[in-house]
C-alpha atoms as a PDB file:
ATOM      1  CA  MET A   1     118.171  78.784  65.701  1.00  0.00           C
ATOM      2  CA  LEU A   2     115.408  80.250  67.847  1.00  0.00           C
ATOM      3  CA  ASN A   3     114.198  83.711  66.968  1.00  0.00           C
ATOM      4  CA  GLY A   4     111.291  85.941  67.961  1.00  0.00           C
ATOM      5  CA  ALA A   5     108.965  84.492  65.337  1.00  0.00           C
ATOM      6  CA  ILE A   6     109.616  80.898  66.398  1.00  0.00           C
ATOM      7  CA  LEU A   7     109.189  81.760  70.103  1.00  0.00           C
ATOM      8  CA  SER A   8     105.851  83.414  69.334  1.00  0.00           C
ATOM      9  CA  SER A   9     104.781  80.368  67.307  1.00  0.00           C
ATOM     10  CA  LEU A  10     105.872  78.044  70.129  1.00  0.00           C
ATOM     11  CA  HIS A  11     103.503  79.887  72.455  1.00  0.00           C
ATOM     12  CA  CYS A  12     100.748  79.400  69.910  1.00  0.00           C
ATOM     13  CA  PHE A  13     101.635  75.705  69.599  1.00  0.00           C
ATOM     14  CA  GLU A  14     101.622  75.197  73.392  1.00  0.00           C
ATOM     15  CA  CYS A  15      98.155  76.708  73.622  1.00  0.00           C
ATOM     16  CA  ALA A  16      96.773  74.633  70.714  1.00  0.00           C
ATOM     17  CA  ALA A  17      98.383  71.451  72.070  1.00  0.00           C
ATOM     18  CA  ARG A  18      96.948  72.062  75.520  1.00  0.00           C
ATOM     19  CA  HIS A  19      93.428  72.450  74.130  1.00  0.00           C
ATOM     20  CA  LEU A  20      93.903  70.124  71.124  1.00  0.00           C
ATOM     21  CA  SER A  21      91.899  72.751  69.293  1.00  0.00           C
ATOM     22  CA  PHE A  22      92.879  75.649  67.029  1.00  0.00           C
ATOM     23  CA  THR A  23      89.546  77.301  67.784  1.00  0.00           C
ATOM     24  CA  LYS A  24      90.018  77.308  71.584  1.00  0.00           C
ATOM     25  CA  ALA A  25      93.630  78.422  71.177  1.00  0.00           C
ATOM     26  CA  ALA A  26      92.435  81.299  69.022  1.00  0.00           C
ATOM     27  CA  GLU A  27      89.961  82.356  71.729  1.00  0.00           C
ATOM     28  CA  GLU A  28      92.658  82.319  74.409  1.00  0.00           C
ATOM     29  CA  LEU A  29      95.184  84.189  72.263  1.00  0.00           C
ATOM     30  CA  TYR A  30      92.635  86.651  70.831  1.00  0.00           C
ATOM     31  CA  LEU A  31      93.456  85.526  67.295  1.00  0.00           C
ATOM     32  CA  THR A  32      91.363  84.081  64.495  1.00  0.00           C
ATOM     33  CA  GLN A  33      91.286  80.333  63.970  1.00  0.00           C
ATOM     34  CA  SER A  34      92.937  80.766  60.583  1.00  0.00           C
ATOM     35  CA  ALA A  35      95.767  82.828  62.132  1.00  0.00           C
ATOM     36  CA  VAL A  36      96.495  80.039  64.619  1.00  0.00           C
ATOM     37  CA  SER A  37      96.395  77.437  61.878  1.00  0.00           C
ATOM     38  CA  HIS A  38      98.763  79.528  59.762  1.00  0.00           C
ATOM     39  CA  ARG A  39     101.254  79.963  62.624  1.00  0.00           C
ATOM     40  CA  ILE A  40     101.293  76.250  63.378  1.00  0.00           C
ATOM     41  CA  LYS A  41     101.827  75.409  59.714  1.00  0.00           C
ATOM     42  CA  LYS A  42     104.666  77.951  59.510  1.00  0.00           C
ATOM     43  CA  LEU A  43     106.249  76.481  62.665  1.00  0.00           C
ATOM     44  CA  GLU A  44     106.065  72.968  61.221  1.00  0.00           C
ATOM     45  CA  GLU A  45     107.879  74.207  58.125  1.00  0.00           C
ATOM     46  CA  GLN A  46     110.576  75.865  60.207  1.00  0.00           C
ATOM     47  CA  LEU A  47     111.054  72.795  62.425  1.00  0.00           C
ATOM     48  CA  GLY A  48     110.909  70.309  59.571  1.00  0.00           C
ATOM     49  CA  PHE A  49     108.319  67.945  61.091  1.00  0.00           C
ATOM     50  CA  LYS A  50     104.575  67.713  61.709  1.00  0.00           C
ATOM     51  CA  LEU A  51     103.211  68.685  65.114  1.00  0.00           C
ATOM     52  CA  PHE A  52      99.569  67.672  64.695  1.00  0.00           C
ATOM     53  CA  LEU A  53      97.548  65.079  62.873  1.00  0.00           C
ATOM     54  CA  ARG A  54      94.504  66.932  61.578  1.00  0.00           C
ATOM     55  CA  PHE A  55      91.144  65.131  61.483  1.00  0.00           C
ATOM     56  CA  ASN A  56      87.734  66.533  60.614  1.00  0.00           C
ATOM     57  CA  ARG A  57      86.673  67.435  64.177  1.00  0.00           C
ATOM     58  CA  ARG A  58      89.790  66.949  66.258  1.00  0.00           C
ATOM     59  CA  LEU A  59      93.541  67.313  66.499  1.00  0.00           C
ATOM     60  CA  GLN A  60      96.063  64.749  67.656  1.00  0.00           C
ATOM     61  CA  LEU A  61      99.680  65.380  68.545  1.00  0.00           C
ATOM     62  CA  THR A  62     102.318  63.547  66.557  1.00  0.00           C
ATOM     63  CA  ASP A  63     105.121  61.854  68.486  1.00  0.00           C
ATOM     64  CA  GLN A  64     107.341  64.838  67.690  1.00  0.00           C
ATOM     65  CA  GLY A  65     104.576  67.240  68.772  1.00  0.00           C
ATOM     66  CA  ALA A  66     104.107  65.406  72.076  1.00  0.00           C
ATOM     67  CA  GLY A  67     107.868  65.491  72.664  1.00  0.00           C
ATOM     68  CA  LEU A  68     108.044  69.215  71.941  1.00  0.00           C
ATOM     69  CA  LEU A  69     105.112  69.887  74.295  1.00  0.00           C
ATOM     70  CA  ALA A  70     106.842  67.980  77.107  1.00  0.00           C
ATOM     71  CA  GLU A  71     110.028  70.008  76.588  1.00  0.00           C
ATOM     72  CA  LEU A  72     108.046  73.253  76.564  1.00  0.00           C
ATOM     73  CA  ASP A  73     106.239  72.345  79.782  1.00  0.00           C
ATOM     74  CA  GLN A  74     109.547  71.625  81.505  1.00  0.00           C
ATOM     75  CA  SER A  75     111.178  74.782  80.157  1.00  0.00           C
ATOM     76  CA  LEU A  76     108.224  77.001  81.079  1.00  0.00           C
ATOM     77  CA  GLY A  77     108.177  75.490  84.568  1.00  0.00           C
ATOM     78  CA  SER A  78     111.869  76.241  85.019  1.00  0.00           C
ATOM     79  CA  LEU A  79     111.336  79.764  83.680  1.00  0.00           C
ATOM     80  CA  GLU A  80     108.469  80.358  86.131  1.00  0.00           C
ATOM     81  CA  ILE A  81     110.674  79.265  89.033  1.00  0.00           C
ATOM     82  CA  ALA A  82     113.483  81.524  87.819  1.00  0.00           C
ATOM     83  CA  ILE A  83     111.141  84.515  87.552  1.00  0.00           C
ATOM     84  CA  ARG A  84     109.745  83.829  91.013  1.00  0.00           C
ATOM     85  CA  ASP A  85     113.262  83.635  92.451  1.00  0.00           C
ATOM     86  CA  LEU A  86     114.186  86.912  90.765  1.00  0.00           C
ATOM     87  CA  LYS A  87     111.125  88.565  92.302  1.00  0.00           C
ATOM     88  CA  GLN A  88     112.038  87.133  95.699  1.00  0.00           C
ATOM     89  CA  GLN A  89     115.690  88.245  95.618  1.00  0.00           C
ATOM     90  CA  ASP A  90     115.002  91.213  97.886  1.00  0.00           C
ATOM     91  CA  PHE A  91     113.388  88.849 100.405  1.00  0.00           C
ATOM     92  CA  SER A  92     116.752  87.205 101.033  1.00  0.00           C
ATOM     93  CA  SER A  93     118.270  90.560 101.955  1.00  0.00           C
ATOM     94  CA  THR A  94     117.753  92.780 104.998  1.00  0.00           C
ATOM     95  CA  LEU A  95     114.670  94.958 105.364  1.00  0.00           C
ATOM     96  CA  SER A  96     114.631  97.717 107.962  1.00  0.00           C
ATOM     97  CA  ILE A  97     111.469  99.092 109.577  1.00  0.00           C
ATOM     98  CA  ALA A  98     111.185 101.952 112.083  1.00  0.00           C
ATOM     99  CA  VAL A  99     108.229 101.852 114.475  1.00  0.00           C
ATOM    100  CA  PRO A 100     107.179 103.512 117.743  1.00  0.00           C
ATOM    101  CA  HIS A 101     108.539 101.747 120.840  1.00  0.00           C
ATOM    102  CA  SER A 102     105.171 100.591 122.137  1.00  0.00           C
ATOM    103  CA  PHE A 103     104.063  99.448 118.690  1.00  0.00           C
ATOM    104  CA  ALA A 104     107.190  97.300 118.443  1.00  0.00           C
ATOM    105  CA  ARG A 105     106.771  95.812 121.926  1.00  0.00           C
ATOM    106  CA  CYS A 106     102.997  95.376 122.136  1.00  0.00           C
ATOM    107  CA  TRP A 107     101.916  94.752 118.521  1.00  0.00           C
ATOM    108  CA  LEU A 108     104.656  93.943 116.035  1.00  0.00           C
ATOM    109  CA  ALA A 109     106.763  91.555 118.140  1.00  0.00           C
ATOM    110  CA  GLU A 110     103.808  89.221 118.693  1.00  0.00           C
ATOM    111  CA  ARG A 111     103.274  88.800 114.942  1.00  0.00           C
ATOM    112  CA  LEU A 112     106.794  88.224 113.643  1.00  0.00           C
ATOM    113  CA  GLY A 113     106.427  84.444 113.633  1.00  0.00           C
ATOM    114  CA  ASP A 114     103.801  84.730 110.916  1.00  0.00           C
ATOM    115  CA  LEU A 115     106.109  86.989 108.898  1.00  0.00           C
ATOM    116  CA  HIS A 116     108.926  84.443 109.129  1.00  0.00           C
ATOM    117  CA  SER A 117     106.655  81.596 108.039  1.00  0.00           C
ATOM    118  CA  LYS A 118     105.702  83.546 104.903  1.00  0.00           C
ATOM    119  CA  PHE A 119     109.171  84.912 104.083  1.00  0.00           C
ATOM    120  CA  PRO A 120     111.760  82.628 105.737  1.00  0.00           C
ATOM    121  CA  ARG A 121     114.661  84.191 103.822  1.00  0.00           C
ATOM    122  CA  LEU A 122     113.856  87.734 104.919  1.00  0.00           C
ATOM    123  CA  THR A 123     116.015  89.341 107.595  1.00  0.00           C
ATOM    124  CA  LEU A 124     114.086  92.077 109.372  1.00  0.00           C
ATOM    125  CA  GLN A 125     115.683  94.881 111.375  1.00  0.00           C
ATOM    126  CA  VAL A 126     113.225  96.549 113.754  1.00  0.00           C
ATOM    127  CA  ARG A 127     114.185 100.024 114.928  1.00  0.00           C
ATOM    128  CA  ALA A 128     112.089 101.293 117.817  1.00  0.00           C
ATOM    129  CA  GLN A 129     112.034 105.089 117.824  1.00  0.00           C
ATOM    130  CA  SER A 130     109.553 107.838 118.581  1.00  0.00           C
ATOM    131  CA  ARG A 131     110.887 110.421 116.146  1.00  0.00           C
ATOM    132  CA  ALA A 132     110.197 110.759 112.435  1.00  0.00           C
ATOM    133  CA  THR A 133     112.454 108.823 110.078  1.00  0.00           C
ATOM    134  CA  ASP A 134     114.867 110.604 107.746  1.00  0.00           C
ATOM    135  CA  PHE A 135     114.560 108.319 104.721  1.00  0.00           C
ATOM    136  CA  GLN A 136     117.144 110.345 102.820  1.00  0.00           C
ATOM    137  CA  HIS A 137     119.961 109.702 105.280  1.00  0.00           C
ATOM    138  CA  GLU A 138     118.886 106.665 107.324  1.00  0.00           C
ATOM    139  CA  SER A 139     119.014 103.091 106.078  1.00  0.00           C
ATOM    140  CA  VAL A 140     115.320 102.527 106.779  1.00  0.00           C
ATOM    141  CA  ASP A 141     113.032 100.976 104.165  1.00  0.00           C
ATOM    142  CA  LEU A 142     109.639 101.706 105.729  1.00  0.00           C
ATOM    143  CA  ALA A 143     108.147 103.048 108.933  1.00  0.00           C
ATOM    144  CA  VAL A 144     104.990 103.112 111.011  1.00  0.00           C
ATOM    145  CA  TYR A 145     103.904 106.536 112.284  1.00  0.00           C
ATOM    146  CA  TYR A 146     101.329 107.227 114.986  1.00  0.00           C
ATOM    147  CA  SER A 147     100.044 110.617 113.915  1.00  0.00           C
ATOM    148  CA  ASP A 148      96.987 112.693 113.042  1.00  0.00           C
ATOM    149  CA  HIS A 149      98.038 113.069 109.405  1.00  0.00           C
ATOM    150  CA  LEU A 150     100.023 111.408 106.649  1.00  0.00           C
ATOM    151  CA  THR A 151     103.443 113.017 106.269  1.00  0.00           C
ATOM    152  CA  SER A 152     103.839 114.897 103.014  1.00  0.00           C
ATOM    153  CA  GLY A 153     106.634 113.888 100.673  1.00  0.00           C
ATOM    154  CA  LEU A 154     106.357 110.200 101.587  1.00  0.00           C
ATOM    155  CA  TYR A 155     104.417 107.364 100.040  1.00  0.00           C
ATOM    156  CA  GLY A 156     102.005 106.071 102.646  1.00  0.00           C
ATOM    157  CA  THR A 157      98.763 104.382 103.459  1.00  0.00           C
ATOM    158  CA  ASP A 158      96.431 104.159 106.417  1.00  0.00           C
ATOM    159  CA  LEU A 159      97.209 101.127 108.581  1.00  0.00           C
ATOM    160  CA  MET A 160      94.624 101.217 111.372  1.00  0.00           C
ATOM    161  CA  GLU A 161      92.673 103.414 113.738  1.00  0.00           C
ATOM    162  CA  GLU A 162      93.150 103.540 117.498  1.00  0.00           C
ATOM    163  CA  SER A 163      90.884 103.828 120.553  1.00  0.00           C
ATOM    164  CA  LEU A 164      91.725 104.927 124.095  1.00  0.00           C
ATOM    165  CA  VAL A 165      90.484 103.461 127.376  1.00  0.00           C
ATOM    166  CA  PRO A 166      91.926 103.330 130.929  1.00  0.00           C
ATOM    167  CA  VAL A 167      93.423  99.972 132.000  1.00  0.00           C
ATOM    168  CA  CYS A 168      94.787  98.569 135.234  1.00  0.00           C
ATOM    169  CA  SER A 169      95.155  95.263 137.056  1.00  0.00           C
ATOM    170  CA  ARG A 170      92.044  93.549 138.412  1.00  0.00           C
ATOM    171  CA  GLU A 171      93.348  93.858 141.963  1.00  0.00           C
ATOM    172  CA  TYR A 172      93.896  97.597 141.567  1.00  0.00           C
ATOM    173  CA  ALA A 173      90.371  98.056 140.193  1.00  0.00           C
ATOM    174  CA  ASP A 174      88.925  96.065 143.100  1.00  0.00           C
ATOM    175  CA  VAL A 175      90.871  97.844 145.842  1.00  0.00           C
ATOM    176  CA  ASN A 176      90.051 101.285 144.450  1.00  0.00           C
ATOM    177  CA  GLU A 177      86.426 100.377 143.595  1.00  0.00           C
ATOM    178  CA  LEU A 178      86.957 101.581 140.032  1.00  0.00           C
ATOM    179  CA  TRP A 179      84.338  99.434 138.314  1.00  0.00           C
ATOM    180  CA  ASP A 180      82.049 101.785 136.377  1.00  0.00           C
ATOM    181  CA  SER A 181      83.100 104.606 138.699  1.00  0.00           C
ATOM    182  CA  PRO A 182      85.140 107.205 136.794  1.00  0.00           C
ATOM    183  CA  GLU A 183      84.909 109.580 139.751  1.00  0.00           C
ATOM    184  CA  ARG A 184      87.174 107.159 141.659  1.00  0.00           C
ATOM    185  CA  LEU A 185      90.022 107.941 139.257  1.00  0.00           C
ATOM    186  CA  ALA A 186      90.667 111.047 141.357  1.00  0.00           C
ATOM    187  CA  GLN A 187      92.189 108.861 144.086  1.00  0.00           C
ATOM    188  CA  CYS A 188      94.222 106.687 141.702  1.00  0.00           C
ATOM    189  CA  LEU A 189      97.783 106.964 140.512  1.00  0.00           C
ATOM    190  CA  LEU A 190      97.652 107.884 136.826  1.00  0.00           C
ATOM    191  CA  LEU A 191     100.356 106.482 134.534  1.00  0.00           C
ATOM    192  CA  HIS A 192     101.314 108.623 131.536  1.00  0.00           C
ATOM    193  CA  ASP A 193     103.210 108.275 128.267  1.00  0.00           C
ATOM    194  CA  GLU A 194     105.066 111.526 127.628  1.00  0.00           C
ATOM    195  CA  THR A 195     105.592 110.660 123.942  1.00  0.00           C
ATOM    196  CA  ALA A 196     102.079 109.507 123.044  1.00  0.00           C
ATOM    197  CA  TRP A 197     102.667 111.249 119.710  1.00  0.00           C
ATOM    198  CA  GLN A 198     105.073 113.867 118.449  1.00  0.00           C
ATOM    199  CA  SER A 199     104.754 117.226 120.200  1.00  0.00           C
ATOM    200  CA  SER A 200     102.396 115.806 122.838  1.00  0.00           C
ATOM    201  CA  GLY A 201     102.815 116.833 126.458  1.00  0.00           C
ATOM    202  CA  PHE A 202     103.225 114.715 129.572  1.00  0.00           C
ATOM    203  CA  TYR A 203      99.491 114.526 130.259  1.00  0.00           C
ATOM    204  CA  THR A 204      98.008 115.101 126.789  1.00  0.00           C
ATOM    205  CA  GLU A 205      96.626 111.604 126.275  1.00  0.00           C
ATOM    206  CA  TRP A 206      94.728 111.518 129.580  1.00  0.00           C
ATOM    207  CA  GLN A 207      93.458 115.049 128.998  1.00  0.00           C
ATOM    208  CA  TYR A 208      92.185 114.092 125.556  1.00  0.00           C
ATOM    209  CA  TRP A 209      90.408 110.978 126.875  1.00  0.00           C
ATOM    210  CA  ALA A 210      88.789 112.789 129.824  1.00  0.00           C
ATOM    211  CA  ARG A 211      87.423 115.496 127.529  1.00  0.00           C
ATOM    212  CA  LEU A 212      85.925 113.094 124.985  1.00  0.00           C
ATOM    213  CA  ALA A 213      84.639 110.715 127.680  1.00  0.00           C
ATOM    214  CA  GLU A 214      83.023 113.748 129.387  1.00  0.00           C
ATOM    215  CA  ILE A 215      84.738 113.044 132.699  1.00  0.00           C
ATOM    216  CA  GLU A 216      84.457 116.322 134.573  1.00  0.00           C
ATOM    217  CA  GLY A 217      86.608 117.528 137.433  1.00  0.00           C
ATOM    218  CA  LEU A 218      89.405 114.975 136.898  1.00  0.00           C
ATOM    219  CA  SER A 219      92.850 116.479 137.443  1.00  0.00           C
ATOM    220  CA  VAL A 220      95.161 114.510 135.156  1.00  0.00           C
ATOM    221  CA  ASP A 221      98.354 116.596 135.511  1.00  0.00           C
ATOM    222  CA  ARG A 222      99.742 114.295 138.183  1.00  0.00           C
ATOM    223  CA  GLY A 223     101.025 110.749 138.529  1.00  0.00           C
ATOM    224  CA  PHE A 224     104.018 108.962 137.030  1.00  0.00           C
ATOM    225  CA  VAL A 225     105.309 109.764 133.554  1.00  0.00           C
ATOM    226  CA  PHE A 226     107.109 107.310 131.256  1.00  0.00           C
ATOM    227  CA  ASN A 227     108.727 107.943 127.895  1.00  0.00           C
ATOM    228  CA  ARG A 228     107.133 104.791 126.470  1.00  0.00           C
ATOM    229  CA  ALA A 229     103.542 103.590 126.694  1.00  0.00           C
ATOM    230  CA  ASP A 230     104.551  99.948 127.153  1.00  0.00           C
ATOM    231  CA  LEU A 231     106.347 100.904 130.388  1.00  0.00           C
ATOM    232  CA  ALA A 232     103.133 102.506 131.643  1.00  0.00           C
ATOM    233  CA  TYR A 233     101.237  99.330 130.693  1.00  0.00           C
ATOM    234  CA  ARG A 234     103.789  97.196 132.524  1.00  0.00           C
ATOM    235  CA  ALA A 235     103.401  99.320 135.644  1.00  0.00           C
ATOM    236  CA  ALA A 236      99.615  98.997 135.372  1.00  0.00           C
ATOM    237  CA  MET A 237      99.857  95.205 135.043  1.00  0.00           C
ATOM    238  CA  SER A 238     101.856  95.043 138.265  1.00  0.00           C
ATOM    239  CA  GLY A 239      99.154  96.960 140.121  1.00  0.00           C
ATOM    240  CA  GLN A 240     100.863 100.343 140.371  1.00  0.00           C
ATOM    241  CA  GLY A 241      98.143 102.524 138.872  1.00  0.00           C
ATOM    242  CA  VAL A 242      95.903 103.214 135.884  1.00  0.00           C
ATOM    243  CA  ALA A 243      97.382 103.684 132.413  1.00  0.00           C
ATOM    244  CA  MET A 244      95.735 105.198 129.357  1.00  0.00           C
ATOM    245  CA  GLY A 245      95.570 102.209 127.054  1.00  0.00           C
ATOM    246  CA  ARG A 246      95.669 102.266 123.280  1.00  0.00           C
ATOM    247  CA  TRP A 247      93.342  99.403 122.536  1.00  0.00           C
ATOM    248  CA  SER A 248      95.411  97.879 119.726  1.00  0.00           C
ATOM    249  CA  MET A 249      98.325  97.672 122.142  1.00  0.00           C
ATOM    250  CA  VAL A 250      96.574  96.515 125.328  1.00  0.00           C
ATOM    251  CA  ALA A 251      93.809  94.263 123.978  1.00  0.00           C
ATOM    252  CA  PRO A 252      96.015  91.109 124.078  1.00  0.00           C
ATOM    253  CA  GLN A 253      96.855  91.770 127.745  1.00  0.00           C
ATOM    254  CA  VAL A 254      93.196  92.367 128.527  1.00  0.00           C
ATOM    255  CA  GLU A 255      92.275  89.102 126.786  1.00  0.00           C
ATOM    256  CA  ALA A 256      94.976  87.317 128.800  1.00  0.00           C
ATOM    257  CA  GLY A 257      93.625  88.756 132.081  1.00  0.00           C
ATOM    258  CA  ASN A 258      96.752  90.790 132.837  1.00  0.00           C
ATOM    259  CA  LEU A 259      94.808  94.034 132.474  1.00  0.00           C
ATOM    260  CA  VAL A 260      91.153  94.967 132.890  1.00  0.00           C
ATOM    261  CA  VAL A 261      88.960  97.796 131.607  1.00  0.00           C
ATOM    262  CA  PRO A 262      87.191  99.064 134.729  1.00  0.00           C
ATOM    263  CA  ILE A 263      85.587 102.078 133.041  1.00  0.00           C
ATOM    264  CA  GLU A 264      83.888 101.289 129.730  1.00  0.00           C
ATOM    265  CA  SER A 265      84.569 104.607 128.030  1.00  0.00           C
ATOM    266  CA  PHE A 266      86.268 103.853 124.732  1.00  0.00           C
ATOM    267  CA  VAL A 267      87.002 107.001 122.742  1.00  0.00           C
ATOM    268  CA  PRO A 268      88.519 107.267 119.263  1.00  0.00           C
ATOM    269  CA  ALA A 269      92.094 108.453 119.450  1.00  0.00           C
ATOM    270  CA  GLY A 270      93.033 111.643 117.655  1.00  0.00           C
ATOM    271  CA  GLN A 271      95.909 109.748 116.076  1.00  0.00           C
ATOM    272  CA  ARG A 272      96.041 106.683 113.825  1.00  0.00           C
ATOM    273  CA  TYR A 273      98.762 104.429 112.460  1.00  0.00           C
ATOM    274  CA  TYR A 274     100.224 105.127 109.028  1.00  0.00           C
ATOM    275  CA  LEU A 275     102.577 102.959 107.003  1.00  0.00           C
ATOM    276  CA  VAL A 276     105.115 105.040 105.044  1.00  0.00           C
ATOM    277  CA  CYS A 277     108.224 104.738 102.902  1.00  0.00           C
ATOM    278  CA  HIS A 278     110.264 106.831 100.501  1.00  0.00           C
ATOM    279  CA  PRO A 279     108.437 107.105  97.139  1.00  0.00           C
ATOM    280  CA  ASP A 280     111.421 105.555  95.360  1.00  0.00           C
ATOM    281  CA  ARG A 281     111.068 102.376  97.448  1.00  0.00           C
ATOM    282  CA  LYS A 282     107.322 101.772  97.189  1.00  0.00           C
ATOM    283  CA  ASP A 283     107.582  99.356  94.245  1.00  0.00           C
ATOM    284  CA  THR A 284     110.422  97.281  95.689  1.00  0.00           C
ATOM    285  CA  PRO A 285     109.102  93.698  95.979  1.00  0.00           C
ATOM    286  CA  ALA A 286     110.132  93.276  99.621  1.00  0.00           C
ATOM    287  CA  VAL A 287     108.667  96.647 100.638  1.00  0.00           C
ATOM    288  CA  LYS A 288     105.404  95.905  98.804  1.00  0.00           C
ATOM    289  CA  ALA A 289     105.233  92.495 100.482  1.00  0.00           C
ATOM    290  CA  MET A 290     105.825  94.078 103.909  1.00  0.00           C
ATOM    291  CA  PHE A 291     103.091  96.654 103.239  1.00  0.00           C
ATOM    292  CA  ASP A 292     100.683  93.854 102.319  1.00  0.00           C
ATOM    293  CA  TRP A 293     101.613  91.746 105.339  1.00  0.00           C
ATOM    294  CA  LEU A 294     101.269  94.613 107.816  1.00  0.00           C
ATOM    295  CA  GLN A 295      97.880  95.588 106.386  1.00  0.00           C
ATOM    296  CA  GLU A 296      96.739  91.967 106.575  1.00  0.00           C
ATOM    297  CA  GLN A 297      97.832  91.741 110.210  1.00  0.00           C
ATOM    298  CA  ALA A 298      96.193  95.069 111.020  1.00  0.00           C
ATOM    299  CA  ALA A 299      92.894  93.915 109.499  1.00  0.00           C
ATOM    300  CA  GLN A 300      92.990  90.739 111.592  1.00  0.00           C
ATOM    301  CA  GLY A 301      93.849  92.738 114.711  1.00  0.00           C
ATOM    302  CA  ILE A 302      91.016  95.201 114.088  1.00  0.00           C
ATOM    303  CA  SER A 303      88.498  92.367 113.858  1.00  0.00           C
ATOM    304  CA  LEU A 304      89.727  90.796 117.093  1.00  0.00           C
ATOM    305  CA  GLY A 305      89.924  94.169 118.825  1.00  0.00           C
ATOM    306  CA  GLU A 306      86.381  95.100 117.840  1.00  0.00           C
ATOM    307  CA  ALA A 307      85.117  91.750 119.112  1.00  0.00           C
ATOM    308  CA  SER A 308      86.901  92.256 122.435  1.00  0.00           C
ATOM    309  CA  MET A 309      85.634  95.814 122.723  1.00  0.00           C
ATOM    310  CA  ALA A 310      82.076  94.669 122.110  1.00  0.00           C
ATOM    311  CA  LYS A 311      82.450  91.923 124.711  1.00  0.00           C
ATOM    312  CA  TYR A 312      83.593  94.336 127.418  1.00  0.00           C
ATOM    313  CA  SER A 313      80.881  96.824 126.517  1.00  0.00           C
ATOM    314  CA  ASP A 314      78.298  94.047 126.911  1.00  0.00           C
ATOM    315  CA  GLN A 315      79.761  93.161 130.303  1.00  0.00           C
ATOM    316  CA  ALA A 316      79.493  96.786 131.363  1.00  0.00           C
ATOM    317  CA  SER A 317      75.840  96.863 130.309  1.00  0.00           C
ATOM    318  CA  GLN A 318      75.164  93.732 132.337  1.00  0.00           C
ATOM    319  CA  ARG A 319      76.811  95.260 135.415  1.00  0.00           C
ATOM    320  CA  ALA A 320      74.564  98.323 135.023  1.00  0.00           C
ATOM    321  CA  PHE A 321      71.550  96.100 135.624  1.00  0.00           C
END
């Protein structure tokens, strides 16, 4: 009958059989060569047959030893699969994530195919909302916040920074002669997101950009106001006006030619994206995997966004000459 001592000796045997060396097995197991030899001898006594033929400078498996090694390999392989499946159990259930509306529409939705390819058994529920998540009373596993600080009481990590820059359609920029002419914004229809971040006002995002970009005399408390940034971006794409673009959200549309950056004044946003969850959920396999995947996607997006930003800055420099 198998017991703890035999199972420990079987591990020792598997290591020695794999190396065909007590010395190398001892190094791997952090034991002495004599301790390995003793365990193998004890195992042979318990099993009632020889496992190795011992020669001066080498070992050779007996037929019984080779048979036992084959059974161990098969059993360990099955055990590894079972452990992996146990770890992946949460991936076959439903995971819920709460994210800002524009983040869901302009960033997350475009990346979900990659998530499915990595975790095909995972069912993801995406909740688009601008308010903070009540993890105590809502069935939400993790959330993305766009904020200037990490919320206390939650487990969280920095996801990515954000930059602001005005965007519009190419036709709108041409008609209004906006290229490298921030003073021309005074005659343009400004498109606002009233919920740029929690407690922000209707015109806060434009005001913040104008101050940091040192655009003087621009009255931003006018124009059309939306309760979601992606609606402002959609209006800008159709040539209705100029929206304040968050670069992570609008860069794909700029790359596709649906939006342009007529005024090369990128400023760092006062907010950034944070990934948060309830502290009790942070070690759940599915939540940890989602954290890792989102951070991987953010890193890739940052690299692409920085490359695009550099390209448009170079184009602006060329226009200046």
